[in-house]
Amino acid sequence: MKFLFAPDSFKGSLSALECCDILERVTERIFPGTQTVSVPVADGGEGTVDALLRAMGGQRMTTKVTGPLFEPETATWGLLSDGTAVMEMAQASGLPYVPADGKDPRKATSYGTGEMIAAALRAGARSILIGIGGSATNDGGLGMLQALGAKFTDKDGNAVRPVGGEMANVAEADFGGLLPELKECRITVICDVTNPLLGENGATFIYGPQKGATPEIRDELEAGMAHFAGVVERAVGRDIAAFPGAGAAGGLGAALGGVLGAQLKSGIDAVLDAVDFESKLEGVTLAVTGEGRIDGQSVRFGKVPVGVAKRCAAKNIPVAAIVGGIGDGAEGLFDLCESTIMTTVSGPMSLEKAMTDAPALYEYAAERLLRAIRIGTLLTK
C-alpha cells in the first residue's frame, strides 16, 4: 500500500506539517513499512509558505517591510527550488499587525506587500504565488503599486500618501516606473474571494467592517475607491473593478489582476497545481486530508479537503478526512468520491481543551482511522 497525506492546518493548534508528522508516525505503528508521501497543503492563508517549502523544497527568506500602519515589520516568504517565490500578503500587510483599538482602514497601507514582491524580483524570482487573505488594508492596492514603482499624484502634482483614505485625492496615475522585472514575471494570486471591487458586494462593504470601517468610514472609502479605480482605468486602458476577485484584500485583487496582469485562482487549486499534486497520486492507495472544521461551506467554497477529494476522485483514490469538528453539510464530501470523516474530538470537551490537546487528539484520531483501514484490509482476504 501507499498512503498520501495532504492535510491543512488546524488554525491556532496544529500546523499541516505537524499533522503529516503524526500521520507518518502512526502509519509506521499500524502498517509497518508502508510507503507514505506527505504533501502538507494550505489554501493561500496562514501556513501556505511552510506547506510549499515542505512539499517542494527551497529557501526561507525574510524581508524588512513597512507594516500596514507604517511600523517596521519582518515578512517571511519562500523561494522554492524551481525559482518560484511563494508569499502570504498577511506577512506584510496583515490584520494581526493592527491593534484592536487602532483599526481604521483609511490609515492602512499595502506598501509592505509591494516591498515583499520587489524583494522576490530582486532575488531572481520570475514566478510569484501570493495568497492575499487576512489583509488589514482597503487601499485598492495603492500602497503595493507605489512600492513597485508606480506614481500617484494629487491635483497639485504632489505624491499621495499610500493609504485608503487618500484614494479620493489621486488625480494622476503613472505606471511607467514600475519595476521592469514585472514584465518578465508571472504572478498567480491565491484568492477564494469572488467579490467585485465596488458596490454592496465589493471590497469595502463586505470586508471593510472587520478592518474597522464604520458606516461613515465605509461610505468615505467606497467613494474614494470608485474615484481611484476610475483614475487607474484611464491610465491602463482597461476595467479593473468588475472581474471576480477584484475586491479581495481591500482591492489588492484589482491592482494585481487589473494592473499587473496576475491570474487569480482558487486557493487549494493554486497550491495543488504548484506542488504538481497529480504526479504525487501515482500508485496511492489512500489519501488522508483534513482541516480544523468541515461543514457545508468547506464543500461549497472548495476548501482543502474538497480540493484534495476532487483530485483523488479522478483517479478513484479513496479519501479520509481527519477534522477537529463536523458541521452541517459536511456529508457533501461523500458525493465527491469514496470518502469518510473522522473527528479528533473523542468526548465532551471545551474548544480550549480541544486546541490545547490537539496533537494528542489528532494522533488518537489517526490511530482509530488507520486501525479501521487495517480491519478493512483483513475483510478482503
Protein backbone atom coordinates (compact mmCIF):
# COMPACT_ATOMS: atom_id res chain seq x y z
CA MET A 1 0.00 0.00 0.00
CA LYS A 2 0.94 3.65 -0.42
CA PHE A 3 -0.62 6.44 1.64
CA LEU A 4 -0.62 10.13 0.74
CA PHE A 5 -1.08 12.75 3.46
CA ALA A 6 -2.36 16.18 2.38
CA PRO A 7 -3.88 17.96 5.39
CA ASP A 8 -4.47 21.65 6.02
CA SER A 9 -3.51 23.18 9.36
CA PHE A 10 -5.81 23.32 12.37
CA LYS A 11 -5.70 27.06 12.88
CA GLY A 12 -4.13 28.01 16.20
CA SER A 13 -3.30 24.47 17.28
CA LEU A 14 -1.66 22.23 14.66
CA SER A 15 0.27 23.06 11.52
CA ALA A 16 -0.14 20.98 8.38
CA LEU A 17 3.48 19.88 8.86
CA GLU A 18 2.73 18.59 12.36
CA CYS A 19 -0.32 16.71 11.07
CA CYS A 20 1.85 14.98 8.46
CA ASP A 21 4.47 14.05 11.03
CA ILE A 22 1.81 12.46 13.26
CA LEU A 23 0.28 10.55 10.35
CA GLU A 24 3.67 9.19 9.35
CA ARG A 25 4.38 8.07 12.91
CA VAL A 26 1.02 6.35 13.35
CA THR A 27 1.24 4.67 9.96
CA GLU A 28 4.56 3.11 10.85
CA ARG A 29 2.95 1.79 14.02
CA ILE A 30 -0.18 0.34 12.37
CA PHE A 31 1.23 -0.51 8.92
CA PRO A 32 4.98 -1.03 9.40
CA GLY A 33 6.99 -0.42 6.24
CA THR A 34 4.13 1.15 4.29
CA GLN A 35 5.23 3.81 1.81
CA THR A 36 3.98 7.33 2.66
CA VAL A 37 4.07 10.65 0.84
CA SER A 38 3.47 13.85 2.81
CA VAL A 39 2.20 16.93 1.00
CA PRO A 40 1.11 19.46 3.65
CA VAL A 41 -1.15 21.97 1.93
CA ALA A 42 -2.93 25.25 2.57
CA ASP A 43 -5.47 27.40 0.74
CA GLY A 44 -3.43 30.59 0.48
CA GLY A 45 -3.68 31.74 4.07
CA GLU A 46 -1.53 31.04 7.09
CA GLY A 47 0.81 28.11 6.50
CA THR A 48 0.98 28.35 2.71
CA VAL A 49 4.69 29.21 2.65
CA ASP A 50 5.57 26.41 5.09
CA ALA A 51 3.47 23.88 3.19
CA LEU A 52 5.03 24.64 -0.18
CA LEU A 53 8.57 24.70 1.18
CA ARG A 54 7.99 21.27 2.72
CA ALA A 55 6.42 19.89 -0.44
CA MET A 56 8.87 21.32 -2.96
CA GLY A 57 12.00 22.33 -1.11
CA GLY A 58 13.56 25.77 -1.20
CA GLN A 59 14.80 28.58 0.97
CA ARG A 60 13.01 30.57 3.65
CA MET A 61 13.53 34.28 3.09
CA THR A 62 12.91 37.34 5.27
CA THR A 63 12.41 40.93 4.19
CA LYS A 64 12.10 44.11 6.23
CA VAL A 65 8.86 45.76 5.16
CA THR A 66 6.55 48.63 6.00
CA GLY A 67 3.66 47.28 8.05
CA PRO A 68 0.05 48.37 7.49
CA LEU A 69 0.42 51.20 9.99
CA PHE A 70 3.91 52.16 8.74
CA GLU A 71 5.69 50.32 11.54
CA PRO A 72 8.73 48.22 10.56
CA GLU A 73 7.87 44.53 10.24
CA THR A 74 9.64 41.39 9.03
CA ALA A 75 7.88 39.37 6.34
CA THR A 76 8.76 35.72 5.77
CA TRP A 77 8.33 34.20 2.32
CA GLY A 78 9.73 31.26 0.39
CA LEU A 79 11.91 30.87 -2.69
CA LEU A 80 11.08 27.39 -3.96
CA SER A 81 13.57 25.07 -5.62
CA ASP A 82 12.05 25.80 -9.04
CA GLY A 83 12.62 29.56 -8.61
CA THR A 84 9.02 30.42 -7.71
CA ALA A 85 8.50 32.87 -4.87
CA VAL A 86 5.59 31.99 -2.59
CA MET A 87 4.25 34.53 -0.13
CA GLU A 88 1.34 35.46 2.09
CA MET A 89 0.16 39.07 1.84
CA ALA A 90 -0.70 38.96 5.56
CA GLN A 91 3.01 38.63 6.37
CA ALA A 92 3.48 42.23 5.24
CA SER A 93 0.05 43.86 5.46
CA GLY A 94 -1.98 41.60 7.72
CA LEU A 95 -4.70 42.44 10.22
CA PRO A 96 -2.75 40.95 13.18
CA TYR A 97 -0.33 43.87 12.90
CA VAL A 98 -3.14 46.28 13.79
CA PRO A 99 -4.18 46.61 17.46
CA ALA A 100 -7.86 46.00 18.14
CA ASP A 101 -8.37 49.61 19.25
CA GLY A 102 -6.45 51.01 16.26
CA LYS A 103 -8.43 49.64 13.32
CA ASP A 104 -9.09 52.30 10.70
CA PRO A 105 -8.61 51.18 7.06
CA ARG A 106 -8.32 54.81 5.97
CA LYS A 107 -4.88 54.84 7.62
CA ALA A 108 -3.63 51.41 6.49
CA THR A 109 -1.32 50.68 3.57
CA SER A 110 -0.43 47.68 1.40
CA TYR A 111 3.01 49.19 0.73
CA GLY A 112 4.79 46.37 2.54
CA THR A 113 3.27 43.81 0.19
CA GLY A 114 4.85 45.65 -2.72
CA GLU A 115 8.19 45.66 -0.89
CA MET A 116 7.93 41.88 -0.42
CA ILE A 117 7.18 41.35 -4.12
CA ALA A 118 10.09 43.64 -5.05
CA ALA A 119 12.41 41.60 -2.81
CA ALA A 120 11.37 38.41 -4.62
CA LEU A 121 12.05 40.03 -8.00
CA ARG A 122 15.49 41.16 -6.82
CA ALA A 123 16.18 37.59 -5.68
CA GLY A 124 15.58 36.42 -9.26
CA ALA A 125 12.04 35.08 -8.99
CA ARG A 126 10.10 35.33 -12.24
CA SER A 127 7.09 33.42 -10.96
CA ILE A 128 5.26 34.57 -7.84
CA LEU A 129 2.47 32.77 -5.98
CA ILE A 130 0.82 35.08 -3.46
CA GLY A 131 -2.04 34.43 -1.05
CA ILE A 132 -3.97 37.56 -0.24
CA GLY A 133 -6.14 36.58 2.73
CA GLY A 134 -6.10 38.32 6.11
CA SER A 135 -5.38 41.86 4.95
CA ALA A 136 -5.65 44.94 7.15
CA THR A 137 -5.94 47.26 4.16
CA ASN A 138 -8.59 48.83 1.96
CA ASP A 139 -6.42 50.97 -0.30
CA GLY A 140 -7.15 49.40 -3.70
CA GLY A 141 -3.52 48.26 -3.93
CA LEU A 142 -2.36 51.90 -3.97
CA GLY A 143 0.41 51.14 -1.49
CA MET A 144 1.60 47.96 -3.19
CA LEU A 145 1.73 49.60 -6.61
CA GLN A 146 3.60 52.61 -5.25
CA ALA A 147 6.23 50.32 -3.66
CA LEU A 148 6.69 48.69 -7.07
CA GLY A 149 7.41 51.99 -8.79
CA ALA A 150 4.01 53.45 -9.72
CA LYS A 151 3.44 57.15 -9.07
CA PHE A 152 0.18 58.64 -7.82
CA THR A 153 -0.18 62.41 -7.56
CA ASP A 154 -2.89 64.81 -6.47
CA LYS A 155 -4.26 67.78 -8.43
CA ASP A 156 -1.23 69.85 -7.40
CA GLY A 157 1.25 67.22 -8.59
CA ASN A 158 2.23 66.09 -5.08
CA ALA A 159 2.75 62.42 -4.21
CA VAL A 160 -0.27 60.89 -2.50
CA ARG A 161 0.24 59.07 0.79
CA PRO A 162 -0.43 55.37 0.05
CA VAL A 163 -3.41 54.74 2.37
CA GLY A 164 -7.09 54.06 1.84
CA GLY A 165 -8.15 57.47 2.99
CA GLU A 166 -6.14 59.18 0.23
CA MET A 167 -7.61 57.31 -2.75
CA ALA A 168 -10.05 60.16 -3.34
CA ASN A 169 -7.15 62.58 -3.78
CA VAL A 170 -5.42 60.70 -6.61
CA ALA A 171 -5.62 62.79 -9.78
CA GLU A 172 -2.99 61.05 -11.93
CA ALA A 173 -1.57 57.52 -12.07
CA ASP A 174 1.73 56.84 -13.81
CA PHE A 175 2.84 53.23 -14.24
CA GLY A 176 5.87 53.97 -16.42
CA GLY A 177 8.20 53.49 -13.47
CA LEU A 178 7.04 50.02 -12.47
CA LEU A 179 9.94 47.64 -11.90
CA PRO A 180 10.94 46.25 -15.32
CA GLU A 181 11.21 42.73 -13.87
CA LEU A 182 7.42 42.69 -13.52
CA LYS A 183 7.10 42.37 -17.32
CA GLU A 184 9.01 39.08 -17.16
CA CYS A 185 7.18 37.77 -14.09
CA ARG A 186 4.12 35.52 -13.95
CA ILE A 187 2.02 36.30 -10.87
CA THR A 188 -0.61 33.89 -9.59
CA VAL A 189 -2.93 35.13 -6.86
CA ILE A 190 -4.40 32.63 -4.41
CA CYS A 191 -7.86 34.00 -3.80
CA ASP A 192 -11.17 32.38 -2.84
CA VAL A 193 -12.99 35.72 -2.79
CA THR A 194 -15.05 36.45 -5.92
CA ASN A 195 -16.32 39.90 -4.95
CA PRO A 196 -16.00 42.80 -7.42
CA LEU A 197 -14.19 45.92 -6.31
CA LEU A 198 -17.19 48.22 -5.86
CA GLY A 199 -20.79 48.16 -4.66
CA GLU A 200 -22.69 46.37 -1.91
CA ASN A 201 -20.82 43.14 -2.66
CA GLY A 202 -17.48 44.87 -3.08
CA ALA A 203 -14.32 45.17 -1.02
CA THR A 204 -15.41 47.99 1.27
CA PHE A 205 -18.98 46.96 2.07
CA ILE A 206 -18.26 43.26 2.65
CA TYR A 207 -14.83 43.26 4.26
CA GLY A 208 -14.40 46.83 5.49
CA PRO A 209 -16.23 46.35 8.81
CA GLN A 210 -13.82 43.65 10.03
CA LYS A 211 -10.99 46.10 9.39
CA GLY A 212 -12.62 48.86 11.43
CA ALA A 213 -14.83 50.62 8.88
CA THR A 214 -17.89 52.21 10.49
CA PRO A 215 -20.79 53.12 8.15
CA GLU A 216 -19.34 56.62 7.82
CA ILE A 217 -15.82 55.37 7.10
CA ARG A 218 -17.24 52.77 4.72
CA ASP A 219 -19.02 55.39 2.62
CA GLU A 220 -15.89 57.55 2.50
CA LEU A 221 -13.74 54.60 1.41
CA GLU A 222 -16.24 53.43 -1.20
CA ALA A 223 -16.32 56.87 -2.80
CA GLY A 224 -12.53 57.03 -2.75
CA MET A 225 -12.23 53.53 -4.19
CA ALA A 226 -14.59 54.35 -7.07
CA HIS A 227 -12.63 57.51 -7.85
CA PHE A 228 -9.26 55.73 -7.63
CA ALA A 229 -10.46 52.89 -9.88
CA GLY A 230 -11.53 55.41 -12.49
CA VAL A 231 -8.12 57.11 -12.49
CA VAL A 232 -6.30 53.78 -12.77
CA GLU A 233 -8.60 52.52 -15.52
CA ARG A 234 -7.87 55.60 -17.61
CA ALA A 235 -4.15 55.04 -17.13
CA VAL A 236 -4.07 51.33 -18.01
CA GLY A 237 -6.88 51.37 -20.58
CA ARG A 238 -8.97 48.55 -19.14
CA ASP A 239 -11.52 47.81 -16.43
CA ILE A 240 -10.00 46.85 -13.09
CA ALA A 241 -13.14 46.76 -10.94
CA ALA A 242 -15.68 44.27 -12.25
CA PHE A 243 -13.85 40.94 -12.56
CA PRO A 244 -14.38 38.31 -9.82
CA GLY A 245 -11.80 38.75 -7.07
CA ALA A 246 -11.11 42.43 -7.75
CA GLY A 247 -12.49 43.18 -4.28
CA ALA A 248 -10.20 40.73 -2.48
CA ALA A 249 -7.85 42.10 0.19
CA GLY A 250 -9.33 45.58 0.13
CA GLY A 251 -8.93 45.91 -3.62
CA LEU A 252 -5.47 44.36 -3.85
CA GLY A 253 -7.04 41.86 -6.24
CA ALA A 254 -7.92 44.72 -8.60
CA ALA A 255 -4.34 46.01 -8.56
CA LEU A 256 -2.76 42.58 -9.05
CA GLY A 257 -5.17 41.34 -11.69
CA GLY A 258 -6.18 44.57 -13.36
CA VAL A 259 -2.86 46.42 -13.38
CA LEU A 260 -0.15 43.76 -13.11
CA GLY A 261 -1.97 41.11 -15.16
CA ALA A 262 -1.91 38.47 -12.45
CA GLN A 263 -4.06 35.35 -12.72
CA LEU A 264 -6.46 34.80 -9.82
CA LYS A 265 -7.02 31.15 -8.86
CA SER A 266 -8.90 29.43 -6.05
CA GLY A 267 -6.69 28.73 -3.07
CA ILE A 268 -6.43 24.98 -2.93
CA ASP A 269 -6.27 24.58 -6.73
CA ALA A 270 -3.39 27.02 -6.97
CA VAL A 271 -1.47 25.21 -4.24
CA LEU A 272 -2.16 21.73 -5.61
CA ASP A 273 -1.07 22.86 -9.07
CA ALA A 274 2.11 24.37 -7.61
CA VAL A 275 3.13 21.09 -5.96
CA ASP A 276 2.18 19.02 -9.05
CA PHE A 277 -0.28 17.07 -6.93
CA GLU A 278 -1.39 14.71 -9.72
CA SER A 279 2.10 13.27 -10.04
CA LYS A 280 2.15 12.54 -6.31
CA LEU A 281 -1.05 10.49 -6.60
CA GLU A 282 0.58 7.82 -8.73
CA GLY A 283 0.21 4.44 -7.04
CA VAL A 284 -1.57 5.87 -3.98
CA THR A 285 -3.96 3.51 -2.14
CA LEU A 286 -5.45 6.05 0.28
CA ALA A 287 -5.28 9.83 0.73
CA VAL A 288 -5.69 11.42 4.16
CA THR A 289 -6.59 15.11 4.33
CA GLY A 290 -8.39 17.37 6.82
CA GLU A 291 -8.83 20.77 8.42
CA GLY A 292 -9.94 22.30 11.71
CA ARG A 293 -13.63 22.12 10.86
CA ILE A 294 -15.51 20.73 7.89
CA ASP A 295 -19.05 21.77 7.01
CA GLY A 296 -21.20 22.87 4.10
CA GLN A 297 -19.03 25.94 3.48
CA SER A 298 -15.97 23.71 3.11
CA VAL A 299 -17.81 21.86 0.36
CA ARG A 300 -19.36 24.93 -1.27
CA PHE A 301 -16.18 27.02 -1.32
CA GLY A 302 -13.80 24.18 -2.12
CA LYS A 303 -11.61 24.17 0.97
CA VAL A 304 -8.60 21.86 1.29
CA PRO A 305 -10.37 18.50 1.91
CA VAL A 306 -12.71 19.15 -1.02
CA GLY A 307 -9.91 20.19 -3.37
CA VAL A 308 -7.96 17.05 -2.45
CA ALA A 309 -11.07 14.87 -2.82
CA LYS A 310 -11.79 16.17 -6.31
CA ARG A 311 -8.27 15.39 -7.50
CA CYS A 312 -8.43 11.93 -5.92
CA ALA A 313 -11.84 11.20 -7.43
CA ALA A 314 -10.36 11.48 -10.92
CA LYS A 315 -8.01 8.60 -10.05
CA ASN A 316 -10.50 6.56 -7.98
CA ILE A 317 -8.47 7.02 -4.80
CA PRO A 318 -10.49 6.90 -1.54
CA VAL A 319 -10.12 9.82 0.86
CA ALA A 320 -10.26 10.05 4.65
CA ALA A 321 -10.54 13.45 6.34
CA ILE A 322 -9.39 13.94 9.93
CA VAL A 323 -11.03 17.10 11.26
CA GLY A 324 -11.46 18.96 14.52
CA GLY A 325 -15.20 19.43 14.11
CA ILE A 326 -18.01 18.42 11.78
CA GLY A 327 -20.83 20.81 10.84
CA ASP A 328 -24.00 20.69 8.76
CA GLY A 329 -23.35 19.90 5.14
CA ALA A 330 -20.05 18.09 5.68
CA GLU A 331 -21.60 14.99 4.15
CA GLY A 332 -21.30 16.72 0.78
CA LEU A 333 -17.75 15.34 0.77
CA PHE A 334 -19.23 11.86 0.30
CA ASP A 335 -20.72 12.89 -3.03
CA LEU A 336 -17.29 13.79 -4.44
CA CYS A 337 -15.51 10.48 -4.00
CA GLU A 338 -15.34 7.39 -1.81
CA SER A 339 -14.63 9.08 1.50
CA THR A 340 -15.09 9.23 5.24
CA ILE A 341 -14.64 11.80 8.02
CA MET A 342 -13.01 11.18 11.40
CA THR A 343 -13.19 13.81 14.15
CA THR A 344 -10.38 14.39 16.66
CA VAL A 345 -12.88 15.16 19.42
CA SER A 346 -13.17 11.94 21.41
CA GLY A 347 -15.64 13.12 24.07
CA PRO A 348 -17.32 16.21 25.55
CA MET A 349 -14.73 18.98 25.83
CA SER A 350 -14.32 22.72 25.51
CA LEU A 351 -12.85 24.32 22.41
CA GLU A 352 -9.92 25.46 24.55
CA LYS A 353 -9.16 21.88 25.62
CA ALA A 354 -9.57 20.60 22.06
CA MET A 355 -7.00 23.14 20.86
CA THR A 356 -4.61 22.65 23.78
CA ASP A 357 -4.66 18.87 23.41
CA ALA A 358 -4.76 18.93 19.60
CA PRO A 359 -1.56 16.90 18.99
CA ALA A 360 -2.64 14.02 21.24
CA LEU A 361 -6.23 14.12 19.96
CA TYR A 362 -5.06 14.11 16.35
CA GLU A 363 -2.79 11.16 16.96
CA TYR A 364 -5.62 9.20 18.61
CA ALA A 365 -7.94 10.01 15.69
CA ALA A 366 -5.26 8.91 13.22
CA GLU A 367 -4.84 5.65 15.10
CA ARG A 368 -8.59 4.97 15.12
CA LEU A 369 -8.77 5.70 11.41
CA LEU A 370 -5.84 3.53 10.41
CA ARG A 371 -6.95 0.64 12.62
CA ALA A 372 -10.32 0.77 10.83
CA ILE A 373 -8.45 0.72 7.49
CA ARG A 374 -6.48 -2.29 8.69
CA ILE A 375 -9.69 -4.14 9.56
CA GLY A 376 -10.92 -3.38 6.04
CA THR A 377 -7.82 -4.95 4.52
CA LEU A 378 -8.36 -8.09 6.60
CA LEU A 379 -12.00 -8.37 5.49
CA THR A 380 -10.95 -8.52 1.85
CA LYS A 381 -8.62 -11.50 2.39
